[in-house]
Protein backbone atom coordinates (compact mmCIF):
# COMPACT_ATOMS: atom_id res chain seq x y z
CA MET A 1 -0.18 0.06 0.24
CA PRO A 2 1.42 2.99 -0.99
CA PRO A 3 2.07 6.17 1.61
CA GLU A 4 -0.81 8.64 2.04
CA GLY A 5 1.21 11.21 0.36
CA ALA A 6 1.87 9.66 -2.66
CA LEU A 7 -2.02 9.37 -2.93
CA LEU A 8 -2.33 13.08 -2.44
CA GLU A 9 -0.02 14.02 -4.74
CA SER A 10 -0.08 11.65 -7.24
CA ARG A 11 -3.44 11.05 -9.75
CA SER A 12 -0.99 7.72 -11.33
CA MET A 13 -0.63 5.67 -8.13
CA ARG A 14 -4.49 6.82 -6.87
CA ASP A 15 -5.58 5.46 -10.23
CA SER A 16 -3.78 2.23 -9.61
CA VAL A 17 -5.46 1.62 -6.60
CA MET A 18 -8.74 2.20 -7.24
CA ALA A 19 -7.55 -0.39 -10.38
CA ARG A 20 -6.26 -2.92 -7.51
CA VAL A 21 -8.92 -2.26 -5.28
CA GLU A 22 -11.49 -2.83 -8.91
CA ALA A 23 -10.01 -6.19 -9.58
CA LEU A 24 -10.11 -7.36 -5.71
CA ASP A 25 -13.99 -6.36 -5.71
CA LYS A 26 -14.05 -8.72 -8.83
CA VAL A 27 -12.28 -11.23 -7.41
CA LYS A 28 -14.67 -11.03 -4.27
CA ALA A 29 -17.83 -10.73 -6.59
CA LEU A 30 -16.35 -14.37 -8.39
CA ARG A 31 -16.22 -16.21 -4.45
CA MET A 32 -19.53 -15.20 -4.08
CA LEU A 33 -21.18 -16.69 -7.62
CA PRO A 34 -23.39 -20.03 -6.72
CA ASP A 35 -22.16 -23.05 -8.82
CA GLY A 36 -25.13 -23.44 -10.28
CA VAL A 37 -25.05 -20.03 -11.64
CA HIS A 38 -24.11 -20.28 -15.43
CA VAL A 39 -22.51 -17.16 -17.20
CA THR A 40 -22.75 -16.49 -20.90
CA THR A 41 -19.28 -15.96 -22.92
CA GLU A 42 -19.85 -12.51 -22.87
CA GLY A 43 -20.31 -11.97 -19.20
CA VAL A 44 -16.60 -13.85 -19.02
CA ALA A 45 -15.38 -10.84 -21.22
CA ARG A 46 -17.11 -8.42 -19.31
CA TYR A 47 -15.94 -10.16 -16.11
CA PHE A 48 -12.10 -10.33 -17.05
CA GLU A 49 -12.45 -6.71 -19.43
CA VAL A 50 -11.54 -8.36 -22.47
CA SER A 51 -13.00 -8.97 -25.64
CA THR A 52 -15.87 -11.36 -26.82
CA ASP A 53 -12.96 -13.36 -29.60
CA VAL A 54 -10.42 -13.48 -26.61
CA ILE A 55 -12.14 -15.66 -24.77
CA ARG A 56 -13.75 -17.57 -27.44
CA GLN A 57 -10.41 -18.49 -28.86
CA LEU A 58 -8.91 -19.32 -25.31
CA THR A 59 -11.63 -21.75 -25.24
CA ALA A 60 -10.97 -23.05 -28.70
CA ARG A 61 -7.89 -24.26 -27.26
CA HIS A 62 -8.91 -25.80 -24.10
CA ARG A 63 -12.51 -26.60 -24.58
CA ALA A 64 -11.16 -30.47 -23.63
CA GLU A 65 -9.77 -28.56 -19.97
CA LEU A 66 -12.83 -26.00 -19.45
CA SER A 67 -15.49 -28.71 -20.37
CA GLU A 68 -14.48 -31.03 -17.55
CA ASN A 69 -14.59 -27.92 -15.36
CA GLY A 70 -18.34 -27.47 -16.39
CA LEU A 71 -18.37 -25.64 -19.55
CA GLN A 72 -21.27 -26.61 -21.67
CA VAL A 73 -22.48 -25.59 -25.31
CA LEU A 74 -26.39 -25.27 -25.08
CA ARG A 75 -28.58 -26.20 -28.56
CA GLY A 76 -32.05 -27.60 -29.74
CA PRO A 77 -34.23 -27.96 -27.29
CA ASP A 78 -31.61 -27.49 -24.18
CA LEU A 79 -31.21 -23.90 -25.47
CA ARG A 80 -35.31 -23.13 -26.08
CA GLU A 81 -35.76 -24.62 -22.70
CA TYR A 82 -32.51 -22.26 -21.12
CA GLN A 83 -33.53 -19.15 -23.25
CA SER A 84 -37.65 -19.16 -21.58
CA ASP A 85 -36.55 -19.92 -18.01
CA ASN A 86 -34.25 -16.24 -18.82
CA MET A 87 -37.02 -14.65 -20.91
CA SER A 88 -35.85 -11.27 -19.24
CA LEU A 89 -31.75 -12.04 -20.46
CA SER A 90 -32.60 -12.78 -24.01
CA SER A 91 -35.78 -9.89 -24.18
CA GLY A 92 -32.66 -7.09 -25.59
CA GLY A 93 -30.62 -4.30 -23.83
CA GLU A 94 -27.00 -4.69 -22.35
CA GLY A 95 -25.70 -8.68 -21.59
CA SER A 96 -28.78 -10.12 -23.87
CA TYR A 97 -28.52 -12.38 -26.49
CA PRO A 98 -30.55 -12.78 -30.05
CA GLN A 99 -33.27 -15.82 -29.78
CA ARG A 100 -32.40 -17.23 -32.70
CA ARG A 101 -28.96 -18.70 -32.37
CA SER A 102 -27.57 -22.48 -33.01
CA SER A 103 -25.88 -22.40 -29.82
CA LEU A 104 -24.68 -20.94 -26.45
CA THR A 105 -21.37 -21.18 -25.02
CA LEU A 106 -22.43 -21.58 -20.61
CA HIS A 107 -19.50 -21.29 -18.33
CA THR A 108 -19.64 -22.60 -14.14
CA ARG A 109 -18.05 -20.36 -11.68
CA ARG A 110 -14.79 -23.38 -11.63
CA ALA A 111 -14.51 -22.47 -15.34
CA VAL A 112 -14.38 -18.93 -14.88
CA LEU A 113 -11.56 -19.99 -12.16
CA ASN A 114 -9.95 -22.25 -15.22
CA ILE A 115 -10.39 -19.42 -17.82
CA ALA A 116 -8.33 -16.92 -14.71
CA MET A 117 -5.65 -19.45 -14.74
CA LEU A 118 -5.33 -19.65 -18.71
CA LEU A 119 -6.03 -15.68 -19.69
CA ARG A 120 -3.11 -13.44 -20.09
CA ASP A 121 -4.20 -10.26 -20.99
CA SER A 122 -6.05 -9.25 -18.33
CA ASP A 123 -5.22 -7.75 -14.71
CA ILE A 124 -8.28 -9.23 -13.16
CA ALA A 125 -7.25 -12.58 -14.73
CA ARG A 126 -4.06 -12.07 -12.44
CA CYS A 127 -5.84 -10.96 -9.66
CA VAL A 128 -7.05 -14.58 -9.57
CA ARG A 129 -4.26 -16.15 -9.87
CA THR A 130 -2.74 -14.03 -7.01
CA TYR A 131 -6.13 -15.11 -5.38
CA LEU A 132 -5.59 -18.71 -5.35
CA LEU A 133 -1.94 -19.08 -4.97
CA ASP A 134 -2.37 -16.96 -2.07
CA ALA A 135 -5.35 -19.64 -1.07
CA GLU A 136 -3.27 -22.61 -1.75
CA GLU A 137 -0.42 -21.65 0.54
CA GLY A 138 -2.37 -20.57 3.05
CA TRP A 139 -3.91 -24.89 2.50
CA ARG A 140 -0.46 -25.98 2.25
CA GLU A 141 0.65 -23.78 5.32
CA GLY A 142 -2.77 -25.69 7.19
CA TYR A 143 -1.84 -28.93 6.04
CA ALA A 144 1.83 -28.42 7.41
CA ALA A 145 0.17 -27.56 10.76
CA LEU A 146 -2.10 -30.02 10.82
CA ASP A 147 0.81 -32.67 9.86
CA ARG A 148 2.55 -31.28 12.57
CA ARG A 149 -0.51 -31.58 15.90
CA VAL A 150 -0.49 -35.43 14.36
CA THR A 151 2.89 -35.92 14.61
CA ASP A 152 2.20 -34.18 18.37
CA VAL A 153 -0.28 -36.64 18.85
CA GLU A 154 2.31 -39.56 17.95
CA SER A 155 4.28 -38.72 19.51
CA CYS A 156 2.14 -38.50 22.64
CA LEU A 157 0.52 -41.89 22.16
CA GLY A 158 3.78 -43.32 22.00
CA GLY A 159 5.19 -41.57 25.36
CA VAL A 160 2.05 -42.87 26.84
CA GLY A 161 2.34 -46.47 25.64
CA VAL A 162 5.85 -46.52 27.57
CA ALA A 163 3.95 -45.36 30.62
CA LEU A 164 1.70 -47.44 30.43
CA ARG A 165 4.33 -50.57 30.04
CA GLU A 166 6.13 -49.24 32.84
CA LEU A 167 2.67 -49.47 35.16
CA GLY A 168 1.98 -52.75 34.10
CA PRO A 169 3.81 -54.55 37.18
CA VAL A 170 2.92 -51.46 39.90
CA LEU A 171 -0.83 -52.32 38.84
CA ASN A 172 0.13 -56.18 38.96
CA ARG A 173 1.56 -55.33 42.42
CA MET A 174 -1.45 -53.44 43.66
CA SER A 175 -3.77 -56.55 41.78
CA TYR A 176 -1.57 -59.05 44.58
CA ARG A 177 -2.13 -56.89 46.85
CA LEU A 178 -6.12 -56.14 46.74
CA ASP A 179 -6.11 -59.80 46.02
CA SER A 180 -4.05 -60.08 49.71
CA LEU A 181 -6.64 -57.65 51.87
CA ASP A 182 -9.47 -59.43 50.19
CA ARG A 183 -8.50 -63.25 51.37
CA ARG A 184 -8.37 -61.04 54.91
CA LEU A 185 -10.83 -59.36 54.59
CA ASP A 186 -13.05 -63.05 53.93
CA ALA A 187 -10.89 -64.55 57.11
CA THR A 188 -12.23 -61.52 59.39
CA ASN A 189 -15.71 -62.48 58.35
CA GLN A 190 -15.24 -65.73 59.10
CA VAL A 191 -14.35 -64.59 62.87
CA VAL A 192 -16.33 -61.97 63.01
CA ALA A 193 -19.29 -64.60 61.89
CA ALA A 194 -17.97 -67.87 64.38
CA ILE A 195 -17.78 -65.03 67.28
CA SER A 196 -21.72 -64.36 66.56
CA ASN A 197 -22.64 -67.60 66.64
CA ARG A 198 -21.27 -68.05 70.07
CA LEU A 199 -22.21 -65.12 71.55
CA CYS A 200 -26.08 -66.18 70.69
CA GLU A 201 -25.68 -70.00 71.92
CA MET A 202 -23.88 -67.34 75.06
CA SER A 203 -27.66 -65.55 74.63
CA ASP A 204 -29.30 -68.59 74.45
CA ARG A 205 -27.91 -70.04 77.38
CA ILE A 206 -28.19 -67.34 79.21
CA ASP A 207 -31.44 -66.93 78.90
CA ARG A 208 -31.77 -70.43 80.68
CA VAL A 209 -29.85 -69.51 83.82
CA ASP A 210 -31.74 -66.58 83.96
CA ALA A 211 -34.99 -68.72 84.05
CA LYS A 212 -33.41 -71.22 86.57
CA VAL A 213 -32.40 -68.31 88.60
CA ASP A 214 -36.04 -67.23 88.39
CA HIS A 215 -37.41 -70.65 89.14
CA VAL A 216 -35.29 -71.34 92.17
CA ALA A 217 -35.97 -67.84 93.62
CA GLN A 218 -39.97 -69.07 93.24
CA GLN A 219 -39.20 -71.88 95.60
CA VAL A 220 -36.97 -70.12 98.04
CA GLY A 221 -40.30 -68.05 98.13
CA GLU A 222 -42.57 -70.56 98.53
CA LEU A 223 -40.84 -72.20 101.42
CA ARG A 224 -40.35 -68.92 103.63
CA ARG A 225 -43.76 -68.87 102.69
CA GLY A 226 -44.63 -72.18 104.59
CA ARG A 227 -42.81 -71.25 107.18
CA LYS A 228 -44.59 -67.94 108.47
CA ARG A 229 -47.79 -69.97 108.68
CA ARG A 230 -46.39 -72.72 110.71
């Protein structure tokens, strides 16, 4: 970007900057063109600011390549159907085409991008090529960053594998100690169960002893009452 002073003083500098801005605006417009929209040869020529003969000659030289990227030629019923669907374009005025014509060449956005990579004498085409190259460089950098991230993840996974191998013996020892603790708990539970059974037996015996003591106390009371009557 030139300095502000140069823009204030130089008419040619201002014209150059305006041309670059307009070219970038056209590149943005091409990016926003939907994939399903078709552009005529006249429309492609206006976009690249060249004559229709230049576009026709380039199309003739690279027809196979452009056809693979969406260029198509309408004839007969297909042409009549397209013209009826686009009556507003065929009714006259700038950008119109005559209704009586044997064929009509249409370009998709991909075909227009293909032409931008083939067209030499067009500032718009050069801007499109610059944009495509910058985008490709950005994609490559993105892929490289992704590759580095994947490599980092793989190295981390390798470290995890080593850690798991080192952790294996520790886990085995912990498992053995836990098994030993389970066995000791089982033995403790058996002892507690035996003590509980013994306590239940002792409770029954104490109940029987209490019953006998009550019976003896009753007999002693009866003997005392018998003596008092005498």
